[in-house]
Amino acid sequence: MNLWVVFCSGIVSALAGLTYKFRHKHRFPIDQLLVFFAGFFTLFTAFCLLIFGETLYTRWALIFGVCSGLIQATVIRLMFTVTRRVKLNISWTVIQFSVLIPFLLSVVLFREKPAPRTLIGVVCIFTSIPFFGLGKSKGQSGPSIPDLTTGLLLFLCSILTGVMFSIPKLYTHFEPGGGTFTLLLYNGLAMIPLTAVMFVRRRDVRSRISLGFLTLSIYMALTNVGAIALLIIALLSIDGSVVYPLRTVVNILSIFFLTFVLFREKANLLEAAGAVIALTGLVLVSATMG
């Protein structure tokens, strides 16, 4: 069951990643979308907190929740900027290297020692990531990353994403009995003023609030809440050195599958090789969990 929670977190995270494709396709205003996303995120977490009877406040939930919310809103805004210049598949692949930060945090700071077979599986997972990026960039005209500014933004996104996903590990360590949605409530509350400031500053009001716009903001909130909540639940019973790589490979393979089914993006040889390596790592890590 614990293993399935990790799998579900990776799948839901991949569904959240499709937000960028949907946003670009329909050209919804970014900052307006972020304001509604933050509002629905907070609303859903408050509802879940009441349903599951979690506490409204703890010190660590407030501290880590505010930090996570500020970083999350910043990362999503930067990702929208980057994916205007770089194909989503390439930028999403680069972002996955952010897993190195929480993975090293688990191994170095919390002294987690993966079993040898698990470690081989983790190496396979990290090895598979470049194949997906190389596969998508092969055959396109011009460089995959067009300029230094875009490259630096993508690097910053990756670092901040790694820090953001390290926070659930820190939260479960300092507040092992803390509520999942208590943390996420403060995450959402922190995003509201930040996204509102970005919206007012840029005056991003080019679009009316349509049904499609509301649907995407609700979808975005639900998938992000689900992905982080499942990650926190998984970390309560499984080492981060296992959870983070496993979640990442499920995320990548899910994006790989979803873009094929929804957008008819065909795989080339490099991506197929990456999928085989990723699956090998997935099997090795899962077998160790069994």
Protein backbone atom coordinates (compact mmCIF):
# COMPACT_ATOMS: atom_id res chain seq x y z
CA MET A 1 0.00 0.00 0.00
CA ASN A 2 2.82 2.43 0.89
CA LEU A 3 4.42 1.77 -2.47
CA TRP A 4 1.18 2.58 -4.27
CA VAL A 5 1.02 5.91 -2.47
CA VAL A 6 4.42 6.80 -3.99
CA PHE A 7 3.23 5.69 -7.43
CA CYS A 8 0.06 7.75 -7.13
CA SER A 9 2.06 10.81 -6.07
CA GLY A 10 4.20 10.52 -9.22
CA ILE A 11 1.16 10.05 -11.47
CA VAL A 12 -0.75 12.97 -9.96
CA SER A 13 2.37 15.14 -10.24
CA ALA A 14 2.54 14.28 -13.95
CA LEU A 15 -1.10 15.30 -14.32
CA ALA A 16 -0.22 18.60 -12.63
CA GLY A 17 2.58 19.05 -15.17
CA LEU A 18 0.08 18.94 -18.03
CA THR A 19 -1.24 22.29 -16.76
CA TYR A 20 1.52 24.01 -18.72
CA LYS A 21 0.45 22.42 -21.99
CA PHE A 22 -3.21 23.24 -21.39
CA ARG A 23 -2.36 26.84 -20.45
CA HIS A 24 -0.27 27.36 -23.59
CA LYS A 25 -2.89 25.76 -25.78
CA HIS A 26 -5.70 28.06 -24.58
CA ARG A 27 -3.45 31.06 -23.81
CA PHE A 28 -5.02 31.87 -20.46
CA PRO A 29 -3.38 34.84 -18.66
CA ILE A 30 -0.73 33.42 -16.35
CA ASP A 31 -0.94 35.72 -13.32
CA GLN A 32 -4.72 35.64 -13.30
CA LEU A 33 -4.58 31.85 -13.42
CA LEU A 34 -2.13 31.78 -10.50
CA VAL A 35 -4.44 33.90 -8.32
CA PHE A 36 -7.34 31.50 -8.85
CA PHE A 37 -5.04 28.50 -8.41
CA ALA A 38 -3.87 29.82 -5.02
CA GLY A 39 -7.45 30.46 -3.93
CA PHE A 40 -8.73 27.02 -4.92
CA PHE A 41 -5.60 25.35 -3.45
CA THR A 42 -6.33 26.97 -0.08
CA LEU A 43 -10.04 26.18 -0.28
CA PHE A 44 -9.44 22.49 -1.03
CA THR A 45 -6.87 22.09 1.74
CA ALA A 46 -9.13 23.82 4.28
CA PHE A 47 -11.96 21.48 3.28
CA CYS A 48 -9.73 18.39 3.62
CA LEU A 49 -8.41 19.64 6.96
CA LEU A 50 -11.97 19.81 8.30
CA ILE A 51 -12.98 16.47 6.79
CA PHE A 52 -9.99 14.61 8.30
CA GLY A 53 -10.15 16.50 11.58
CA GLU A 54 -6.57 17.75 11.48
CA THR A 55 -5.32 20.49 13.76
CA LEU A 56 -5.58 24.05 12.51
CA TYR A 57 -2.17 25.20 13.69
CA THR A 58 1.26 23.93 14.61
CA ARG A 59 4.47 25.95 14.63
CA TRP A 60 6.26 23.74 12.10
CA ALA A 61 3.25 23.63 9.78
CA LEU A 62 3.21 27.43 9.74
CA ILE A 63 6.96 27.78 9.15
CA PHE A 64 7.32 25.07 6.52
CA GLY A 65 3.94 25.81 4.94
CA VAL A 66 4.72 29.49 4.34
CA CYS A 67 8.17 28.63 2.94
CA SER A 68 6.69 25.97 0.66
CA GLY A 69 3.91 28.24 -0.58
CA LEU A 70 6.22 31.12 -1.46
CA ILE A 71 8.58 28.79 -3.30
CA GLN A 72 5.76 26.94 -5.09
CA ALA A 73 4.14 30.11 -6.45
CA THR A 74 7.55 31.37 -7.60
CA VAL A 75 8.47 28.08 -9.28
CA ILE A 76 5.16 27.80 -11.14
CA ARG A 77 5.45 31.41 -12.35
CA LEU A 78 9.01 30.80 -13.55
CA MET A 79 7.97 27.55 -15.24
CA PHE A 80 5.28 29.35 -17.20
CA THR A 81 7.96 31.81 -18.36
CA VAL A 82 10.46 29.07 -19.25
CA THR A 83 7.95 26.91 -21.11
CA ARG A 84 7.21 29.85 -23.39
CA ARG A 85 10.80 29.55 -24.65
CA VAL A 86 11.58 25.86 -24.20
CA LYS A 87 9.45 22.84 -25.04
CA LEU A 88 7.67 21.45 -22.01
CA ASN A 89 9.16 17.98 -22.42
CA ILE A 90 12.70 19.36 -22.32
CA SER A 91 12.11 21.77 -19.43
CA TRP A 92 10.16 19.12 -17.48
CA THR A 93 13.06 16.67 -17.91
CA VAL A 94 15.62 19.19 -16.64
CA ILE A 95 13.39 19.99 -13.66
CA GLN A 96 13.44 16.31 -12.64
CA PHE A 97 17.10 16.67 -11.66
CA SER A 98 15.77 18.69 -8.74
CA VAL A 99 15.24 15.30 -7.05
CA LEU A 100 18.97 15.30 -6.27
CA ILE A 101 18.41 17.89 -3.53
CA PRO A 102 15.86 15.99 -1.39
CA PHE A 103 17.63 12.70 -2.19
CA LEU A 104 20.97 14.01 -0.89
CA LEU A 105 19.17 15.60 2.05
CA SER A 106 17.77 12.19 2.99
CA VAL A 107 21.12 10.42 2.62
CA VAL A 108 23.46 13.04 4.10
CA LEU A 109 21.38 14.84 6.74
CA PHE A 110 19.09 12.00 7.84
CA ARG A 111 21.70 9.23 7.38
CA GLU A 112 19.46 7.00 5.27
CA LYS A 113 21.33 4.08 3.69
CA PRO A 114 19.60 2.49 0.69
CA ALA A 115 20.16 -1.24 0.16
CA PRO A 116 22.61 -2.12 -2.68
CA ARG A 117 19.83 -3.19 -5.05
CA THR A 118 17.90 -0.03 -4.25
CA LEU A 119 21.00 2.05 -4.93
CA ILE A 120 21.48 0.39 -8.35
CA GLY A 121 17.83 1.15 -9.13
CA VAL A 122 18.30 4.79 -8.11
CA VAL A 123 21.35 5.07 -10.40
CA CYS A 124 19.24 3.67 -13.27
CA ILE A 125 16.54 6.25 -12.56
CA PHE A 126 18.99 9.16 -12.60
CA THR A 127 20.64 7.77 -15.75
CA SER A 128 17.31 7.59 -17.57
CA ILE A 129 16.44 11.28 -17.11
CA PRO A 130 18.80 12.73 -19.81
CA PHE A 131 17.50 10.25 -22.40
CA PHE A 132 14.05 11.83 -22.30
CA GLY A 133 15.44 15.34 -22.73
CA LEU A 134 17.84 14.29 -25.49
CA GLY A 135 15.07 12.42 -27.24
CA LYS A 136 12.78 15.43 -27.35
CA SER A 137 15.51 17.81 -28.51
CA LYS A 138 16.79 15.55 -31.28
CA GLY A 139 15.83 16.74 -34.73
CA GLN A 140 14.53 20.16 -33.72
CA SER A 141 15.94 23.30 -35.32
CA GLY A 142 18.11 25.41 -33.05
CA PRO A 143 19.34 24.65 -29.56
CA SER A 144 17.05 23.06 -26.99
CA ILE A 145 17.66 26.00 -24.63
CA PRO A 146 17.75 29.17 -26.79
CA ASP A 147 19.81 31.53 -24.60
CA LEU A 148 21.72 31.89 -21.35
CA THR A 149 18.88 33.71 -19.56
CA THR A 150 16.47 30.87 -20.25
CA GLY A 151 19.07 28.35 -19.13
CA LEU A 152 19.61 30.21 -15.86
CA LEU A 153 15.86 30.45 -15.26
CA LEU A 154 15.53 26.73 -15.86
CA PHE A 155 18.40 26.05 -13.47
CA LEU A 156 16.76 28.29 -10.85
CA CYS A 157 13.46 26.44 -11.32
CA SER A 158 15.21 23.13 -10.75
CA ILE A 159 16.96 24.33 -7.56
CA LEU A 160 13.79 25.86 -6.10
CA THR A 161 11.78 22.75 -6.98
CA GLY A 162 14.31 20.60 -5.15
CA VAL A 163 14.09 22.85 -2.09
CA MET A 164 10.28 22.82 -2.25
CA PHE A 165 10.12 19.02 -2.33
CA SER A 166 12.63 18.82 0.54
CA ILE A 167 10.18 20.63 2.81
CA PRO A 168 7.79 17.63 3.22
CA LYS A 169 10.78 15.55 4.37
CA LEU A 170 11.75 18.19 6.92
CA TYR A 171 8.14 18.56 8.04
CA THR A 172 7.66 14.84 8.64
CA HIS A 173 10.92 14.82 10.64
CA PHE A 174 10.20 17.81 12.89
CA GLU A 175 6.43 17.21 13.08
CA PRO A 176 5.89 13.44 12.58
CA GLY A 177 2.35 13.64 13.96
CA GLY A 178 1.50 16.84 12.12
CA GLY A 179 -1.44 17.05 9.76
CA THR A 180 -0.79 16.78 6.03
CA PHE A 181 -3.42 19.39 5.19
CA THR A 182 -2.36 21.62 8.07
CA LEU A 183 0.93 22.14 6.23
CA LEU A 184 -0.81 22.56 2.88
CA LEU A 185 -3.27 25.10 4.28
CA TYR A 186 -0.43 27.48 5.18
CA ASN A 187 1.17 26.66 1.83
CA GLY A 188 -1.96 27.94 0.09
CA LEU A 189 -2.39 30.94 2.37
CA ALA A 190 1.19 32.03 1.61
CA MET A 191 0.57 31.81 -2.14
CA ILE A 192 -2.50 34.08 -2.11
CA PRO A 193 -0.78 37.43 -1.33
CA LEU A 194 2.25 36.63 -3.51
CA THR A 195 0.16 35.71 -6.57
CA ALA A 196 -2.10 38.73 -5.95
CA VAL A 197 0.91 41.05 -5.95
CA MET A 198 2.21 39.51 -9.19
CA PHE A 199 -1.23 39.88 -10.76
CA VAL A 200 -1.66 43.54 -9.75
CA ARG A 201 1.91 44.43 -10.72
CA ARG A 202 1.60 42.98 -14.21
CA ARG A 203 -2.06 43.94 -14.69
CA ASP A 204 -2.63 40.59 -16.41
CA VAL A 205 -6.35 40.97 -17.22
CA ARG A 206 -6.45 40.07 -20.88
CA SER A 207 -9.02 37.30 -20.55
CA ARG A 208 -12.50 36.98 -19.13
CA ILE A 209 -13.11 34.31 -16.53
CA SER A 210 -14.47 31.55 -18.74
CA LEU A 211 -15.57 28.03 -17.85
CA GLY A 212 -12.34 26.69 -19.34
CA PHE A 213 -10.27 29.08 -17.24
CA LEU A 214 -12.04 28.04 -14.02
CA THR A 215 -11.77 24.37 -14.95
CA LEU A 216 -8.02 24.63 -15.47
CA SER A 217 -7.45 26.55 -12.21
CA ILE A 218 -9.46 23.93 -10.28
CA TYR A 219 -7.63 21.08 -12.06
CA MET A 220 -4.31 22.74 -11.28
CA ALA A 221 -5.18 23.12 -7.59
CA LEU A 222 -6.52 19.58 -7.17
CA THR A 223 -3.53 17.90 -8.82
CA ASN A 224 -0.98 19.98 -6.89
CA VAL A 225 -2.72 19.36 -3.56
CA GLY A 226 -2.97 15.64 -4.35
CA ALA A 227 0.66 15.29 -5.43
CA ILE A 228 2.11 16.99 -2.34
CA ALA A 229 -0.32 15.32 0.09
CA LEU A 230 0.53 11.87 -1.25
CA LEU A 231 4.26 12.70 -1.05
CA ILE A 232 3.93 13.65 2.63
CA ILE A 233 1.96 10.47 3.40
CA ALA A 234 4.59 8.34 1.65
CA LEU A 235 7.44 9.99 3.59
CA LEU A 236 5.81 9.06 6.89
CA SER A 237 6.55 5.38 6.30
CA ILE A 238 9.25 5.16 3.60
CA ASP A 239 12.75 6.67 3.49
CA GLY A 240 13.16 9.77 1.35
CA SER A 241 16.13 8.15 -0.42
CA VAL A 242 13.61 5.69 -1.88
CA VAL A 243 10.52 7.87 -2.20
CA TYR A 244 12.05 10.73 -4.19
CA PRO A 245 13.75 8.73 -6.99
CA LEU A 246 10.78 6.34 -7.26
CA ARG A 247 8.30 9.21 -7.46
CA THR A 248 10.46 10.93 -10.08
CA VAL A 249 10.65 7.96 -12.43
CA VAL A 250 6.89 7.36 -12.14
CA ASN A 251 6.40 11.06 -12.90
CA ILE A 252 8.58 10.93 -16.02
CA LEU A 253 7.04 7.70 -17.34
CA SER A 254 3.56 9.09 -16.72
CA ILE A 255 4.33 12.26 -18.68
CA PHE A 256 5.85 10.07 -21.39
CA PHE A 257 2.61 8.04 -21.59
CA LEU A 258 0.19 10.96 -21.22
CA THR A 259 1.78 13.07 -23.95
CA PHE A 260 1.54 10.07 -26.27
CA VAL A 261 -2.13 9.42 -25.48
CA LEU A 262 -3.35 13.02 -25.27
CA PHE A 263 -1.08 14.84 -27.72
CA ARG A 264 0.05 11.97 -29.99
CA GLU A 265 3.72 12.68 -29.36
CA LYS A 266 5.64 9.67 -30.64
CA ALA A 267 8.68 8.27 -28.90
CA ASN A 268 12.05 7.99 -30.63
CA LEU A 269 14.88 5.57 -29.94
CA LEU A 270 16.50 7.66 -27.20
CA GLU A 271 13.23 8.04 -25.31
CA ALA A 272 12.52 4.34 -25.66
CA ALA A 273 15.97 3.57 -24.23
CA GLY A 274 15.29 5.99 -21.38
CA ALA A 275 11.98 4.27 -20.67
CA VAL A 276 13.67 0.86 -20.49
CA ILE A 277 16.37 2.14 -18.12
CA ALA A 278 13.75 3.93 -16.00
CA LEU A 279 11.60 0.80 -15.79
CA THR A 280 14.64 -1.23 -14.77
CA GLY A 281 15.29 1.20 -11.93
CA LEU A 282 11.61 1.16 -10.99
CA VAL A 283 11.57 -2.65 -10.79
CA LEU A 284 14.77 -2.78 -8.70
CA VAL A 285 13.57 -0.21 -6.19
CA SER A 286 10.08 -1.71 -6.02
CA ALA A 287 11.47 -5.22 -5.50
CA THR A 288 13.50 -3.96 -2.56
CA MET A 289 10.35 -2.40 -1.10
CA GLY A 290 8.57 -5.71 -1.46
